[in-house]
C-alpha atoms as a PDB file:
ATOM      1  CA  MET A   1      -0.352  -0.032  -0.111  1.00  0.00           C
ATOM      2  CA  ILE A   2       1.202   3.361  -1.461  1.00  0.00           C
ATOM      3  CA  VAL A   3       0.527   6.164   1.170  1.00  0.00           C
ATOM      4  CA  LYS A   4       1.102   9.910  -0.209  1.00  0.00           C
ATOM      5  CA  LYS A   5       2.297  12.314   1.916  1.00  0.00           C
ATOM      6  CA  LYS A   6      -0.474  14.994   2.257  1.00  0.00           C
ATOM      7  CA  ILE A   7       0.286  18.628   1.689  1.00  0.00           C
ATOM      8  CA  LYS A   8      -0.972  21.166   4.476  1.00  0.00           C
ATOM      9  CA  LYS A   9      -2.719  23.927   1.971  1.00  0.00           C
ATOM     10  CA  VAL A  10      -3.753  27.125   3.712  1.00  0.00           C
ATOM     11  CA  ALA A  11      -7.779  28.261   2.555  1.00  0.00           C
ATOM     12  CA  LYS A  12      -7.249  31.775   1.007  1.00  0.00           C
ATOM     13  CA  GLY A  13     -11.306  32.078   0.235  1.00  0.00           C
ATOM     14  CA  TYR A  14     -10.578  33.909  -3.027  1.00  0.00           C
ATOM     15  CA  ARG A  15     -13.874  33.836  -4.874  1.00  0.00           C
ATOM     16  CA  LEU A  16     -13.722  33.453  -8.563  1.00  0.00           C
ATOM     17  CA  LYS A  17     -16.270  33.455 -11.436  1.00  0.00           C
ATOM     18  CA  PRO A  18     -18.137  30.897 -12.280  1.00  0.00           C
ATOM     19  CA  ARG A  19     -16.646  30.660 -16.021  1.00  0.00           C
ATOM     20  CA  THR A  20     -13.299  30.297 -14.238  1.00  0.00           C
ATOM     21  CA  HIS A  21     -14.010  27.787 -11.472  1.00  0.00           C
ATOM     22  CA  SER A  22     -14.965  25.752 -14.884  1.00  0.00           C
ATOM     23  CA  LEU A  23     -12.046  26.808 -16.959  1.00  0.00           C
ATOM     24  CA  ILE A  24     -10.347  25.405 -13.821  1.00  0.00           C
ATOM     25  CA  LYS A  25     -12.037  22.177 -13.560  1.00  0.00           C
ATOM     26  CA  GLU A  26     -11.205  21.509 -17.550  1.00  0.00           C
ATOM     27  CA  ILE A  27      -8.035  22.185 -16.722  1.00  0.00           C
ATOM     28  CA  GLN A  28      -7.366  19.713 -14.073  1.00  0.00           C
ATOM     29  CA  SER A  29      -9.201  17.006 -16.000  1.00  0.00           C
ATOM     30  CA  LEU A  30      -6.131  17.833 -18.532  1.00  0.00           C
ATOM     31  CA  LEU A  31      -3.490  17.707 -16.017  1.00  0.00           C
ATOM     32  CA  GLN A  32      -4.890  15.165 -13.836  1.00  0.00           C
ATOM     33  CA  THR A  33      -4.324  17.389 -10.831  1.00  0.00           C
ATOM     34  CA  ASP A  34      -5.578  19.285  -8.172  1.00  0.00           C
ATOM     35  CA  GLN A  35      -6.638  23.033  -7.990  1.00  0.00           C
ATOM     36  CA  ASP A  36      -4.531  24.089  -6.025  1.00  0.00           C
ATOM     37  CA  THR A  37      -1.490  22.989  -8.624  1.00  0.00           C
ATOM     38  CA  VAL A  38      -3.755  24.164 -11.572  1.00  0.00           C
ATOM     39  CA  ILE A  39      -3.596  27.168  -9.961  1.00  0.00           C
ATOM     40  CA  SER A  40      -0.002  27.517  -8.960  1.00  0.00           C
ATOM     41  CA  LYS A  41       0.858  26.537 -12.722  1.00  0.00           C
ATOM     42  CA  ALA A  42      -1.422  29.299 -13.925  1.00  0.00           C
ATOM     43  CA  CYS A  43       0.516  32.019 -11.921  1.00  0.00           C
ATOM     44  CA  ARG A  44       4.555  30.512 -13.044  1.00  0.00           C
ATOM     45  CA  MET A  45       3.227  30.640 -16.233  1.00  0.00           C
ATOM     46  CA  LEU A  46       1.732  34.069 -16.721  1.00  0.00           C
ATOM     47  CA  TYR A  47       4.287  34.824 -13.912  1.00  0.00           C
ATOM     48  CA  LYS A  48       7.552  34.084 -16.650  1.00  0.00           C
ATOM     49  CA  GLU A  49       5.564  35.579 -20.028  1.00  0.00           C
ATOM     50  CA  ILE A  50       4.958  38.689 -17.579  1.00  0.00           C
ATOM     51  CA  ARG A  51       8.933  38.806 -17.298  1.00  0.00           C
ATOM     52  CA  LYS A  52       9.594  37.774 -20.843  1.00  0.00           C
ATOM     53  CA  LYS A  53       7.783  40.846 -22.245  1.00  0.00           C
ATOM     54  CA  LYS A  54       9.356  42.947 -19.531  1.00  0.00           C
ATOM     55  CA  PRO A  55      12.851  44.932 -20.146  1.00  0.00           C
ATOM     56  CA  ALA A  56      15.622  43.929 -17.503  1.00  0.00           C
ATOM     57  CA  LYS A  57      16.024  47.304 -15.993  1.00  0.00           C
END
């Protein structure tokens, strides 16, 4: 029997639009992961994209 290590999650109480929730669910099914991971990956991807477009100081 394999036991997964539980990661402690902290609820932030963000209110998202219904279409955002449905998009998250679609991505979840594609990645086969939880909502927290989907949101985290999306934020990192957006951050990298913004950094590419912004010239370094």
